[in-house]
N, C-alpha and C. Protein backbone atom coordinates (compact mmCIF):
# COMPACT_ATOMS: atom_id res chain seq x y z
N MET A 1 0.69 -0.92 0.44
CA MET A 1 0.28 0.00 0.24
C MET A 1 0.80 1.30 0.36
N ASN A 2 0.56 1.84 -0.75
CA ASN A 2 1.57 3.32 -0.83
C ASN A 2 0.90 4.49 0.19
N ASN A 3 1.66 5.58 0.00
CA ASN A 3 1.45 5.90 1.81
C ASN A 3 0.57 7.45 0.94
N GLU A 4 0.51 7.54 -0.27
CA GLU A 4 0.28 8.39 -1.05
C GLU A 4 -1.37 8.34 -0.97
N GLN A 5 -2.38 7.18 -1.09
CA GLN A 5 -2.85 6.89 -0.86
C GLN A 5 -3.61 6.84 0.37
N ILE A 6 -3.29 6.70 1.54
CA ILE A 6 -4.15 6.77 2.90
C ILE A 6 -4.33 8.31 3.20
N THR A 7 -5.82 8.87 3.44
CA THR A 7 -5.62 9.74 3.99
C THR A 7 -5.82 10.36 5.18
N PRO A 8 -5.25 11.18 5.78
CA PRO A 8 -5.12 11.04 7.33
C PRO A 8 -6.26 11.75 7.33
N ILE A 9 -7.00 11.76 9.24
CA ILE A 9 -8.47 12.17 9.30
C ILE A 9 -7.62 13.72 9.81
N PRO A 10 -9.02 14.51 9.23
CA PRO A 10 -8.43 15.70 9.39
C PRO A 10 -8.35 16.02 10.45
N ARG A 11 -8.03 17.20 11.19
CA ARG A 11 -7.65 17.96 12.17
C ARG A 11 -8.92 17.95 12.94
N HIS A 12 -8.90 17.93 13.77
CA HIS A 12 -9.55 18.22 14.76
C HIS A 12 -11.25 17.32 14.32
N SER A 13 -11.17 16.39 13.72
CA SER A 13 -12.27 15.42 13.37
C SER A 13 -12.02 13.84 13.94
N TYR A 14 -12.71 13.85 15.12
CA TYR A 14 -12.58 12.81 15.52
C TYR A 14 -14.03 12.00 15.98
N PRO A 15 -13.93 10.42 16.27
CA PRO A 15 -15.33 10.15 16.05
C PRO A 15 -15.98 10.72 17.15
N LYS A 16 -17.34 10.52 16.99
CA LYS A 16 -18.21 11.11 18.31
C LYS A 16 -18.28 10.05 19.68
N TRP A 17 -17.96 9.04 19.49
CA TRP A 17 -17.51 8.35 20.62
C TRP A 17 -16.45 8.66 21.24
N VAL A 18 -15.21 8.94 20.70
CA VAL A 18 -14.34 9.53 21.08
C VAL A 18 -13.99 10.92 21.93
N MET A 19 -14.84 11.88 21.33
CA MET A 19 -15.24 13.00 21.90
C MET A 19 -16.09 13.10 23.53
N LEU A 20 -17.53 12.22 23.01
CA LEU A 20 -17.76 11.39 24.31
C LEU A 20 -17.04 11.25 25.49
N PHE A 21 -15.97 9.92 25.31
CA PHE A 21 -15.54 9.89 26.26
C PHE A 21 -14.68 10.90 26.76
N MET A 22 -13.82 11.61 26.04
CA MET A 22 -13.06 12.99 26.59
C MET A 22 -14.24 13.79 28.02
N PHE A 23 -15.20 14.18 27.24
CA PHE A 23 -16.04 14.86 27.70
C PHE A 23 -16.47 14.39 29.10
N LEU A 24 -16.98 13.03 29.19
CA LEU A 24 -17.16 12.38 30.30
C LEU A 24 -15.98 12.13 31.17
N LEU A 25 -14.80 11.76 30.79
CA LEU A 25 -13.36 11.86 31.42
C LEU A 25 -13.40 12.83 32.07
N GLY A 26 -13.65 14.30 31.25
CA GLY A 26 -13.56 15.47 31.87
C GLY A 26 -14.34 15.86 33.18
N SER A 27 -15.45 15.59 32.76
CA SER A 27 -16.38 15.98 33.87
C SER A 27 -16.28 14.95 34.93
N PHE A 28 -16.20 13.89 35.17
CA PHE A 28 -15.93 12.78 36.15
C PHE A 28 -14.62 13.62 37.12
N PHE A 29 -13.66 13.94 36.26
CA PHE A 29 -12.55 14.62 37.22
C PHE A 29 -12.94 15.86 37.84
N ILE A 30 -13.79 16.53 37.26
CA ILE A 30 -14.09 18.14 37.48
C ILE A 30 -15.25 17.81 38.83
N VAL A 31 -15.70 16.76 38.76
CA VAL A 31 -17.05 16.76 39.86
C VAL A 31 -16.30 16.21 40.89
N ILE A 32 -15.00 15.34 40.92
CA ILE A 32 -14.63 14.41 42.16
C ILE A 32 -13.18 15.84 42.46
N PHE A 33 -12.77 16.27 42.01
CA PHE A 33 -11.81 17.88 42.35
C PHE A 33 -13.02 18.40 43.05
N CYS A 34 -14.26 18.72 42.79
CA CYS A 34 -14.89 19.53 43.72
C CYS A 34 -15.68 19.07 44.70
N GLN A 35 -15.79 17.98 44.95
CA GLN A 35 -16.08 17.15 46.07
C GLN A 35 -15.28 17.41 47.01
N PHE A 36 -13.82 16.59 46.45
CA PHE A 36 -12.76 16.80 47.46
C PHE A 36 -12.62 18.42 48.36
N LEU A 37 -12.75 19.16 47.30
CA LEU A 37 -12.31 20.61 47.59
C LEU A 37 -13.24 21.19 48.96
N LEU A 38 -14.72 20.62 48.81
CA LEU A 38 -15.58 20.95 49.69
C LEU A 38 -15.87 20.29 50.76
N ILE A 39 -15.33 18.99 50.92
CA ILE A 39 -14.72 18.07 51.89
C ILE A 39 -13.74 18.92 52.40
N GLU A 40 -12.68 18.75 51.70
CA GLU A 40 -12.04 19.64 52.72
C GLU A 40 -11.38 20.52 53.19
N PHE A 41 -12.37 21.59 52.73
CA PHE A 41 -12.66 22.96 53.26
C PHE A 41 -13.52 22.57 54.26
N HIS A 42 -14.63 22.09 54.44
CA HIS A 42 -15.46 21.90 55.53
C HIS A 42 -14.49 21.46 56.89
N GLN A 43 -13.53 20.33 56.43
CA GLN A 43 -12.70 20.16 57.74
C GLN A 43 -12.01 21.36 58.21
N HIS A 44 -11.24 21.74 57.40
CA HIS A 44 -10.05 22.46 57.60
C HIS A 44 -10.58 23.93 58.50
N TYR A 45 -12.00 24.22 57.88
CA TYR A 45 -12.79 25.16 58.59
C TYR A 45 -13.08 25.07 60.07
N LYS A 46 -13.73 23.79 59.82
CA LYS A 46 -14.13 23.15 61.05
C LYS A 46 -12.78 23.30 62.28
N ILE A 47 -11.62 22.61 62.09
CA ILE A 47 -10.59 22.39 62.91
C ILE A 47 -10.06 23.75 62.84
N GLY A 48 -10.54 24.85 61.96
CA GLY A 48 -9.85 26.40 62.30
C GLY A 48 -10.69 27.00 63.44
N LYS A 49 -12.14 27.17 63.61
CA LYS A 49 -12.58 27.26 64.54
C LYS A 49 -12.60 26.71 65.59
N GLU A 50 -12.29 25.25 65.89
CA GLU A 50 -11.55 24.47 67.21
C GLU A 50 -10.55 24.92 67.84
N ILE A 51 -9.68 25.31 66.69
CA ILE A 51 -8.29 25.92 67.22
C ILE A 51 -8.09 26.96 67.91
N LYS A 52 -9.03 28.28 66.99
CA LYS A 52 -9.35 29.65 67.87
C LYS A 52 -10.24 29.25 68.58
N ALA A 53 -11.01 28.75 69.24
CA ALA A 53 -11.69 28.58 70.33
C ALA A 53 -10.68 27.81 71.61
N ALA A 54 -9.68 26.92 71.38
CA ALA A 54 -8.64 26.51 72.12
C ALA A 54 -7.88 27.43 72.15
N GLU A 55 -7.43 28.53 71.27
CA GLU A 55 -6.63 29.64 71.83
C GLU A 55 -6.95 30.83 72.63
N ASP A 56 -8.68 31.02 72.21
CA ASP A 56 -8.91 31.65 73.30
C ASP A 56 -9.17 31.22 74.98
N ALA A 57 -9.35 29.74 75.13
CA ALA A 57 -9.33 29.46 76.24
C ALA A 57 -7.84 29.39 77.19
N PHE A 58 -6.97 29.44 75.93
CA PHE A 58 -5.61 29.11 76.74
C PHE A 58 -5.38 30.57 77.07
N ILE A 59 -5.49 31.74 76.52
CA ILE A 59 -5.26 32.87 76.84
C ILE A 59 -6.12 33.54 78.03
N LYS A 60 -6.80 32.93 78.44
CA LYS A 60 -8.09 33.46 79.08
C LYS A 60 -7.18 32.44 80.62
N GLY A 61 -6.57 31.22 80.49
CA GLY A 61 -5.92 30.76 81.31
C GLY A 61 -6.84 30.28 82.74
N GLY A 62 -6.20 29.98 83.81
CA GLY A 62 -7.36 29.32 84.76
C GLY A 62 -7.71 28.30 84.92
N ASN A 63 -9.02 27.73 84.94
CA ASN A 63 -10.12 26.60 84.40
C ASN A 63 -9.76 26.84 83.28
N GLU A 64 -9.76 27.28 82.14
CA GLU A 64 -10.15 27.05 80.76
C GLU A 64 -9.10 26.74 80.16
N LEU A 65 -7.73 26.34 81.00
CA LEU A 65 -6.75 25.84 80.44
C LEU A 65 -7.28 24.00 80.54
N LEU A 66 -7.68 23.68 80.86
CA LEU A 66 -8.52 22.19 80.92
C LEU A 66 -9.45 21.98 79.28
N LYS A 67 -10.16 23.18 79.18
CA LYS A 67 -11.00 23.59 77.87
C LYS A 67 -10.10 23.41 76.87
N SER A 68 -9.04 24.11 77.33
CA SER A 68 -7.91 24.27 75.97
C SER A 68 -7.29 23.36 75.69
N ILE A 69 -6.69 22.21 76.44
CA ILE A 69 -6.44 20.86 76.21
C ILE A 69 -7.16 19.85 75.53
N GLU A 70 -8.71 19.71 76.33
CA GLU A 70 -9.62 19.32 75.67
C GLU A 70 -9.76 19.42 74.00
N ILE A 71 -9.78 20.64 73.57
CA ILE A 71 -10.08 20.87 72.40
C ILE A 71 -8.95 20.89 71.75
N TYR A 72 -7.62 20.94 71.77
CA TYR A 72 -6.35 20.57 71.16
C TYR A 72 -6.11 19.31 71.32
N SER A 73 -6.83 18.34 71.71
CA SER A 73 -6.20 17.12 71.86
C SER A 73 -7.22 16.27 70.80
N GLY A 74 -9.05 16.94 70.85
CA GLY A 74 -10.07 17.15 69.51
C GLY A 74 -8.95 16.97 67.89
N VAL A 75 -8.03 18.30 68.20
CA VAL A 75 -7.75 18.47 66.63
C VAL A 75 -6.60 17.38 66.59
N LEU A 76 -6.07 17.44 67.69
CA LEU A 76 -4.94 15.88 67.45
C LEU A 76 -5.28 14.72 66.79
N GLU A 77 -6.32 14.24 67.28
CA GLU A 77 -7.22 13.08 66.60
C GLU A 77 -7.65 13.42 65.07
N CYS A 78 -7.76 14.36 64.87
CA CYS A 78 -7.79 14.93 63.33
C CYS A 78 -6.45 14.81 62.44
N TYR A 79 -5.62 15.81 63.41
CA TYR A 79 -4.65 15.75 62.62
C TYR A 79 -3.33 15.70 63.61
N PRO A 80 -2.75 14.83 63.71
CA PRO A 80 -2.16 14.17 64.98
C PRO A 80 -0.44 14.72 64.59
N GLU A 81 -0.40 15.46 63.31
CA GLU A 81 0.93 16.12 63.66
C GLU A 81 0.87 17.59 63.65
N CYS A 82 -0.44 18.27 64.48
CA CYS A 82 -0.40 19.64 64.58
C CYS A 82 0.47 20.08 65.19
N LYS A 83 1.57 20.70 64.96
CA LYS A 83 2.64 21.20 65.89
C LYS A 83 1.88 21.88 67.16
N LYS A 84 1.16 22.83 66.38
CA LYS A 84 0.87 24.22 67.71
C LYS A 84 0.23 23.29 68.27
N ALA A 85 -1.05 22.65 68.38
CA ALA A 85 -1.59 21.69 69.13
C ALA A 85 -0.79 21.37 70.17
N LYS A 86 0.43 20.28 69.75
CA LYS A 86 1.21 19.75 70.60
C LYS A 86 1.54 20.99 71.71
N MET A 87 2.51 22.02 70.91
CA MET A 87 2.91 22.81 72.13
C MET A 87 1.71 23.35 73.30
N ARG A 88 0.75 23.67 72.39
CA ARG A 88 0.15 24.57 73.10
C ARG A 88 -0.28 23.60 74.59
N ILE A 89 -0.99 22.18 74.21
CA ILE A 89 -1.20 21.31 75.21
C ILE A 89 0.13 21.09 76.32
N ALA A 90 1.33 21.04 76.25
CA ALA A 90 2.36 21.58 76.26
C ALA A 90 2.42 22.48 77.42
N GLU A 91 2.28 23.72 76.54
CA GLU A 91 2.24 24.79 77.68
C GLU A 91 1.21 25.13 78.68
N SER A 92 0.22 24.70 78.33
CA SER A 92 -1.00 24.13 79.12
C SER A 92 -0.51 23.75 80.52
N LEU A 93 0.21 22.13 80.24
CA LEU A 93 0.52 21.57 81.32
C LEU A 93 1.38 22.04 81.94
N PHE A 94 2.37 22.79 81.63
CA PHE A 94 3.28 23.37 82.08
C PHE A 94 2.57 24.72 83.31
N ILE A 95 1.90 25.13 82.61
CA ILE A 95 1.05 26.15 83.18
C ILE A 95 0.66 25.65 84.57
N MET A 96 -0.02 24.71 84.49
CA MET A 96 -1.17 24.06 85.41
C MET A 96 -0.21 23.82 86.71
N SER A 97 0.90 22.86 85.89
CA SER A 97 2.22 22.47 87.08
C SER A 97 2.76 23.17 87.97
N LYS A 98 3.14 24.43 87.43
CA LYS A 98 3.46 25.76 88.25
C LYS A 98 2.33 26.04 89.54
N VAL A 99 1.23 26.26 88.73
CA VAL A 99 -0.09 26.51 89.83
C VAL A 99 -0.14 25.04 91.01
N GLU A 100 -0.44 23.83 90.21
CA GLU A 100 -0.48 22.79 91.52
C GLU A 100 1.16 22.57 91.87
N ASN A 101 2.40 22.97 91.41
CA ASN A 101 3.61 22.45 92.34
C ASN A 101 3.75 21.21 91.52
N SER A 102 3.50 20.45 90.71
CA SER A 102 3.53 18.95 90.14
C SER A 102 4.17 18.48 89.41
N HIS A 103 5.16 17.52 89.65
CA HIS A 103 6.08 17.07 88.48
C HIS A 103 5.34 16.11 87.84
N ASP A 104 3.97 15.22 87.73
CA ASP A 104 4.00 14.53 86.96
C ASP A 104 3.19 15.29 85.61
N ILE A 105 2.83 16.44 86.17
CA ILE A 105 1.96 17.42 85.38
C ILE A 105 2.34 17.63 84.28
N PHE A 106 3.82 18.45 84.98
CA PHE A 106 5.19 18.73 84.20
C PHE A 106 5.56 17.66 83.27
N PHE A 107 5.77 16.58 83.68
CA PHE A 107 6.20 15.60 82.99
C PHE A 107 5.02 15.31 81.73
N ASP A 108 4.15 15.23 82.04
CA ASP A 108 3.16 15.19 80.96
C ASP A 108 3.04 16.09 79.68
N GLY A 109 3.57 17.01 80.03
CA GLY A 109 3.78 18.50 79.35
C GLY A 109 4.67 17.95 78.38
N MET A 110 5.87 17.60 78.85
CA MET A 110 6.82 17.38 78.61
C MET A 110 6.88 15.88 76.95
N LEU A 111 5.72 15.00 77.61
CA LEU A 111 5.79 13.61 77.08
C LEU A 111 4.90 14.27 75.47
N SER A 112 4.07 15.49 75.55
CA SER A 112 3.61 15.91 74.58
C SER A 112 4.17 16.35 73.75
N LEU A 113 5.58 17.05 73.64
CA LEU A 113 6.22 17.75 72.93
C LEU A 113 7.23 16.65 72.14
N VAL A 114 7.31 15.34 72.53
CA VAL A 114 8.38 13.92 72.28
C VAL A 114 8.15 13.99 70.93
N GLY A 115 9.01 13.81 70.07
CA GLY A 115 9.23 13.90 68.71
C GLY A 115 8.73 15.24 67.84
N LEU A 116 8.81 16.13 68.52
CA LEU A 116 8.89 17.07 67.79
C LEU A 116 10.05 18.20 67.33
N LYS A 117 10.57 18.66 65.86
CA LYS A 117 11.08 19.56 65.92
C LYS A 117 10.55 20.74 65.74
N TYR A 118 11.19 21.66 65.96
CA TYR A 118 10.97 23.35 66.20
C TYR A 118 12.06 24.39 65.85
N SER A 119 12.00 25.71 66.06
CA SER A 119 13.22 26.51 65.69
C SER A 119 13.11 27.11 66.94
N LYS A 120 14.33 27.80 66.89
CA LYS A 120 14.84 28.69 68.18
C LYS A 120 13.55 29.54 69.08
N SER A 121 13.06 29.95 67.88
CA SER A 121 11.84 31.03 68.45
C SER A 121 10.87 30.43 69.29
N GLU A 122 10.70 28.76 68.44
CA GLU A 122 9.70 28.03 69.70
C GLU A 122 9.75 27.41 70.28
N PHE A 123 10.74 27.12 70.49
CA PHE A 123 11.81 26.52 71.70
C PHE A 123 11.94 27.65 72.74
N SER A 124 12.45 28.59 72.57
CA SER A 124 11.99 29.91 73.76
C SER A 124 10.67 30.15 74.13
N GLU A 125 9.49 30.03 73.13
CA GLU A 125 8.11 30.17 73.46
C GLU A 125 7.87 29.41 74.72
N VAL A 126 7.97 27.72 74.45
CA VAL A 126 7.29 27.00 74.96
C VAL A 126 8.44 27.06 76.53
N LEU A 127 9.88 27.32 75.94
CA LEU A 127 10.89 27.23 77.68
C LEU A 127 9.64 28.68 78.64
N SER A 128 9.57 29.17 77.74
CA SER A 128 8.84 30.41 78.86
C SER A 128 7.89 30.48 79.88
N TYR A 129 7.28 28.76 79.41
CA TYR A 129 5.99 28.19 79.98
C TYR A 129 6.52 27.14 81.03
N VAL A 130 7.73 26.91 80.92
CA VAL A 130 7.94 25.48 82.04
C VAL A 130 8.62 26.60 83.19
N PRO A 131 8.06 25.99 84.22
CA PRO A 131 8.39 26.18 85.61
C PRO A 131 9.90 26.35 85.55
N LYS A 132 10.08 27.56 86.81
CA LYS A 132 11.61 27.60 86.71
C LYS A 132 12.62 26.41 87.33
N GLN A 133 11.59 25.57 88.13
CA GLN A 133 12.76 24.16 88.96
C GLN A 133 12.74 23.29 88.11
N TYR A 134 12.08 23.47 86.73
CA TYR A 134 12.06 22.32 85.97
C TYR A 134 12.80 23.02 84.62
N GLN A 135 12.94 23.93 84.44
CA GLN A 135 14.25 24.05 82.89
C GLN A 135 15.24 24.00 82.88
N SER A 136 16.13 23.47 83.51
CA SER A 136 17.06 22.92 83.29
C SER A 136 16.90 21.06 82.79
N GLU A 137 16.22 20.50 83.19
CA GLU A 137 15.68 19.01 82.79
C GLU A 137 15.30 19.55 81.57
N PHE A 138 14.04 20.22 81.25
CA PHE A 138 13.75 20.10 79.91
C PHE A 138 14.81 20.98 78.68
N LYS A 139 15.74 21.96 79.61
CA LYS A 139 16.38 21.86 78.45
C LYS A 139 17.33 20.29 78.14
N ASP A 140 17.89 20.01 79.31
CA ASP A 140 18.34 18.62 79.06
C ASP A 140 17.85 17.34 77.78
N ASN A 141 16.63 17.38 78.23
CA ASN A 141 15.76 16.43 76.86
C ASN A 141 15.38 16.83 75.74
N PHE A 142 15.45 18.69 75.44
CA PHE A 142 14.61 18.74 74.38
C PHE A 142 16.17 19.81 73.85
N ILE A 143 16.89 20.24 74.19
CA ILE A 143 17.97 21.42 73.15
C ILE A 143 18.32 20.07 72.11
N GLY A 144 18.80 19.24 72.31
CA GLY A 144 19.24 18.44 70.74
C GLY A 144 18.06 18.58 69.87
N THR A 145 16.98 18.71 70.06
CA THR A 145 15.77 18.32 69.15
C THR A 145 15.26 19.47 68.11
N SER A 146 16.05 20.50 68.95
CA SER A 146 15.49 21.99 67.77
C SER A 146 16.28 22.01 66.65
N THR A 147 15.72 22.78 65.53
CA THR A 147 16.21 23.25 63.91
C THR A 147 16.97 24.52 64.24
N ARG A 148 17.52 24.80 63.25
CA ARG A 148 18.15 26.16 63.33
C ARG A 148 17.56 27.32 62.45
N ARG A 149 17.11 28.19 62.50
CA ARG A 149 16.88 28.92 61.70
C ARG A 149 17.63 30.47 61.84
């Protein structure tokens, strides 16, 4: 067969079933993408409101610290790697250990920070909440895990 005898398909002239398949495939991906965005947006919005409520409770202090810890714990159930929630739980527990003069509460706060990498500014923020009598112990356990910035 000679190449001159074969006529190519005219440009942009595909069979209708190919065009229909491409349209349906494109529509499917658009619908899935929109559903994903709506679900994720709703979840992030809800978590954002919870973090705001927990932050307000943390700032009020006193009896609200327990409420802050509960809300941040709920955030950690959805996002176990949330550094801010872990840091705020630790800071709340450190404040409570100052008030109640309890080494157990301080130790619980230290446990909530295990495995975190943080900048010098984050480390100094957390350290500011650590009771004075425990600061050397805290530094000994966490000074090697900070990152430089």
